[in-house]
Amino acid sequence: MNFIIYDLEATCWNGPVPKDIREVIEIGAYKLDRYGEIMSDFSTFVKPYFNKNLSAYCTELTTITQEQVFRAPSYEAAVEDFIDWIGYYDDEDYLLCSWGDFDKKIFVSNSNLYDMETDWTKFHINLKEQFKEIKRLKKAVGMQKALRIEGFEFEGTEHRAISDAYNLIKIFRNHIDQWRF
C-alpha cells in the first residue's frame, strides 16, 4: 500500500466566488511506502479555465503568480499525470490522504466540470478528522496547530501545495499505525 499525502491550492477570493467555481491551481504530493518513507513526489501548477485571472488575494495568500498558472498544464492534463503517478492505471494499492475533505471534494467537483472519471478519488482518508480522534481533541484543528501539538515547525511556504504536503508527512509518520482506512 502506497500512501499519497497531498494538498491542493485553488482559486480564492476575499469575498464571493465568481461563477461559484473554485479551480485547482496547484497539486503537491508525496508517495510514501507502507513504512512512511518517501518514494517520489509530484508537483504542478494548473491553469484555471473558468476564472482565468487569479485574484490579488489569491496571489498574496499562496504566492502563486498569474504567469505560473498561465504557463501550467490544463486541469485535465495535470490530473491525468497525477492519476498516472499515484499508480491508478497500474492497479497499485494506494490511499489518498489529505488534511480535511476540501481537497477530495475539489478534485471531484473539478473533474465533474470536465466530465472526467472520479473513481480514483474513492480511496481517501481525512487526516484532520482522524487526528482529532487520535489526540482526543474536542474539535478538529488546522494543520499548523497539529504540527505544534506534535512538536514540529512548519517548513517551506505556507499555502503552497507541495510545502503543505511535506509538512503533513510529519504528522502522518507520527501516527502511521493509527490511521484507519
Protein backbone atom coordinates (compact mmCIF):
# COMPACT_ATOMS: atom_id res chain seq x y z
CA MET A 1 0.00 0.00 0.00
CA ASN A 2 1.31 3.41 -1.00
CA PHE A 3 0.17 6.49 0.87
CA ILE A 4 -0.37 9.62 -1.24
CA ILE A 5 -0.01 12.61 1.08
CA TYR A 6 -1.33 15.51 -0.96
CA ASP A 7 -2.57 19.07 -0.86
CA LEU A 8 -4.23 21.35 -3.37
CA GLU A 9 -4.37 25.09 -3.81
CA ALA A 10 -7.39 26.56 -5.53
CA THR A 11 -8.57 29.89 -6.86
CA CYS A 12 -9.72 32.07 -3.99
CA TRP A 13 -11.13 35.50 -3.30
CA ASN A 14 -11.65 37.71 -0.31
CA GLY A 15 -15.39 37.72 -0.92
CA PRO A 16 -17.88 35.96 -3.20
CA VAL A 17 -16.64 33.22 -5.54
CA PRO A 18 -17.21 34.26 -9.18
CA LYS A 19 -19.36 31.77 -11.10
CA ASP A 20 -19.45 29.69 -7.87
CA ILE A 21 -16.45 27.76 -9.17
CA ARG A 22 -13.16 27.20 -7.34
CA GLU A 23 -10.50 25.67 -9.54
CA VAL A 24 -7.38 23.73 -8.66
CA ILE A 25 -4.27 25.82 -9.38
CA GLU A 26 -1.62 23.63 -7.73
CA ILE A 27 -1.20 19.95 -6.86
CA GLY A 28 1.54 18.87 -4.48
CA ALA A 29 2.00 15.30 -3.26
CA TYR A 30 4.39 12.72 -1.90
CA LYS A 31 4.15 8.98 -2.37
CA LEU A 32 5.14 7.09 0.79
CA ASP A 33 5.66 3.37 1.20
CA ARG A 34 3.96 1.45 4.00
CA TYR A 35 6.77 2.45 6.38
CA GLY A 36 6.34 6.15 5.68
CA GLU A 37 9.44 6.55 3.53
CA ILE A 38 9.21 8.96 0.60
CA MET A 39 9.29 7.14 -2.72
CA SER A 40 8.65 10.12 -5.01
CA ASP A 41 6.94 13.47 -5.25
CA PHE A 42 4.56 15.23 -7.63
CA SER A 43 4.17 18.96 -8.07
CA THR A 44 2.47 21.02 -10.74
CA PHE A 45 0.64 24.26 -11.22
CA VAL A 46 -2.70 24.04 -13.01
CA LYS A 47 -4.15 26.55 -15.46
CA PRO A 48 -7.64 27.69 -14.38
CA TYR A 49 -10.24 27.76 -17.15
CA PHE A 50 -13.39 29.37 -15.76
CA ASN A 51 -11.71 32.13 -13.73
CA LYS A 52 -8.51 32.59 -15.69
CA ASN A 53 -7.18 35.52 -13.66
CA LEU A 54 -6.04 34.97 -10.09
CA SER A 55 -7.31 37.47 -7.56
CA ALA A 56 -4.79 39.67 -5.79
CA TYR A 57 -5.94 37.96 -2.59
CA CYS A 58 -5.12 34.52 -4.03
CA THR A 59 -1.67 35.57 -5.21
CA GLU A 60 -0.90 37.17 -1.85
CA LEU A 61 -2.14 34.13 0.10
CA THR A 62 -0.46 31.43 -2.00
CA THR A 63 2.43 33.31 -3.68
CA ILE A 64 1.30 31.65 -6.91
CA THR A 65 1.56 34.11 -9.79
CA GLN A 66 -0.57 34.62 -12.84
CA GLU A 67 2.39 33.72 -15.04
CA GLN A 68 2.90 30.40 -13.24
CA VAL A 69 -0.69 29.29 -13.85
CA PHE A 70 -0.75 30.78 -17.35
CA ARG A 71 2.16 28.53 -18.34
CA ALA A 72 0.75 25.49 -16.49
CA PRO A 73 -0.98 22.46 -18.00
CA SER A 74 -4.76 22.29 -18.13
CA TYR A 75 -6.67 20.61 -15.32
CA GLU A 76 -7.28 17.55 -17.49
CA ALA A 77 -3.58 17.13 -18.35
CA ALA A 78 -2.37 17.79 -14.79
CA VAL A 79 -4.85 15.37 -13.23
CA GLU A 80 -4.14 12.66 -15.79
CA ASP A 81 -0.44 12.96 -14.88
CA PHE A 82 -1.33 12.82 -11.18
CA ILE A 83 -3.59 9.77 -11.62
CA ASP A 84 -0.82 8.03 -13.55
CA TRP A 85 1.73 8.98 -10.86
CA ILE A 86 -0.37 7.57 -7.98
CA GLY A 87 -0.47 4.23 -9.80
CA TYR A 88 -4.17 4.08 -10.58
CA TYR A 89 -3.64 2.78 -14.11
CA ASP A 90 -1.14 0.19 -12.88
CA ASP A 91 -3.58 -1.18 -10.30
CA GLU A 92 -1.24 -0.18 -7.46
CA ASP A 93 -2.75 -0.10 -3.98
CA TYR A 94 -2.81 3.49 -2.78
CA LEU A 95 -4.58 5.67 -0.28
CA LEU A 96 -5.09 9.39 -0.80
CA CYS A 97 -4.50 11.30 2.44
CA SER A 98 -5.36 14.97 2.89
CA TRP A 99 -5.93 17.39 5.76
CA GLY A 100 -9.71 17.65 5.66
CA ASP A 101 -12.21 16.84 2.93
CA PHE A 102 -11.79 20.02 0.85
CA ASP A 103 -9.06 18.56 -1.36
CA LYS A 104 -11.04 15.45 -2.27
CA LYS A 105 -14.21 17.48 -2.85
CA ILE A 106 -12.48 19.94 -5.17
CA PHE A 107 -10.84 17.09 -7.13
CA VAL A 108 -14.29 15.55 -7.60
CA SER A 109 -16.06 18.83 -8.45
CA ASN A 110 -13.34 19.96 -10.87
CA SER A 111 -13.23 16.52 -12.51
CA ASN A 112 -17.01 16.67 -12.94
CA LEU A 113 -16.66 20.05 -14.68
CA TYR A 114 -14.53 18.32 -17.32
CA ASP A 115 -16.53 15.05 -17.46
CA MET A 116 -13.53 13.18 -16.06
CA GLU A 117 -13.64 9.94 -14.12
CA THR A 118 -13.59 10.27 -10.31
CA ASP A 119 -13.29 6.62 -9.26
CA TRP A 120 -9.62 7.19 -8.46
CA THR A 121 -10.63 9.52 -5.57
CA LYS A 122 -12.61 6.93 -3.61
CA PHE A 123 -9.63 5.58 -1.66
CA HIS A 124 -9.21 8.60 0.63
CA ILE A 125 -8.89 9.41 4.31
CA ASN A 126 -9.35 12.69 6.13
CA LEU A 127 -6.26 13.06 8.32
CA LYS A 128 -7.68 16.12 10.08
CA GLU A 129 -10.71 14.28 11.43
CA GLN A 130 -8.72 11.19 12.37
CA PHE A 131 -6.06 13.33 14.10
CA LYS A 132 -8.83 14.82 16.26
CA GLU A 133 -9.86 11.32 17.30
CA ILE A 134 -6.31 10.03 17.83
CA LYS A 135 -5.42 13.01 20.03
CA ARG A 136 -8.87 13.03 21.70
CA LEU A 137 -9.41 16.68 20.84
CA LYS A 138 -12.82 18.31 21.26
CA LYS A 139 -12.69 19.74 17.76
CA ALA A 140 -10.58 19.37 14.65
CA VAL A 141 -7.59 21.72 14.34
CA GLY A 142 -5.74 23.25 11.43
CA MET A 143 -2.53 21.74 10.16
CA GLN A 144 -0.38 24.47 11.77
CA LYS A 145 -1.83 23.72 15.21
CA ALA A 146 -1.49 19.98 14.64
CA LEU A 147 2.19 20.47 13.80
CA ARG A 148 2.68 22.41 17.05
CA ILE A 149 0.84 19.70 19.02
CA GLU A 150 3.22 17.15 17.51
CA GLY A 151 6.26 19.32 18.30
CA PHE A 152 7.07 20.29 14.70
CA GLU A 153 7.59 23.58 12.95
CA PHE A 154 6.23 24.33 9.51
CA GLU A 155 8.85 24.13 6.77
CA GLY A 156 8.50 25.79 3.37
CA THR A 157 5.96 28.28 2.08
CA GLU A 158 2.51 28.33 3.67
CA HIS A 159 -0.45 27.76 1.35
CA ARG A 160 1.71 26.08 -1.24
CA ALA A 161 0.60 22.56 -2.04
CA ILE A 162 4.00 20.86 -2.05
CA SER A 163 5.05 22.52 1.22
CA ASP A 164 1.76 21.69 2.91
CA ALA A 165 2.03 18.07 1.74
CA TYR A 166 5.60 17.85 3.04
CA ASN A 167 4.52 19.07 6.46
CA LEU A 168 1.59 16.63 6.51
CA ILE A 169 4.12 13.82 6.20
CA LYS A 170 5.46 14.70 9.66
CA ILE A 171 2.04 14.27 11.25
CA PHE A 172 1.30 11.19 9.17
CA ARG A 173 4.51 9.42 10.17
CA ASN A 174 3.95 10.11 13.87
CA HIS A 175 0.73 8.07 13.74
CA ILE A 176 1.40 5.73 10.82
CA ASP A 177 -0.03 2.71 12.64
CA GLN A 178 -3.12 4.55 13.88
CA TRP A 179 -4.77 5.80 10.68
CA ARG A 180 -7.96 3.97 9.77
CA PHE A 181 -8.61 3.12 6.14
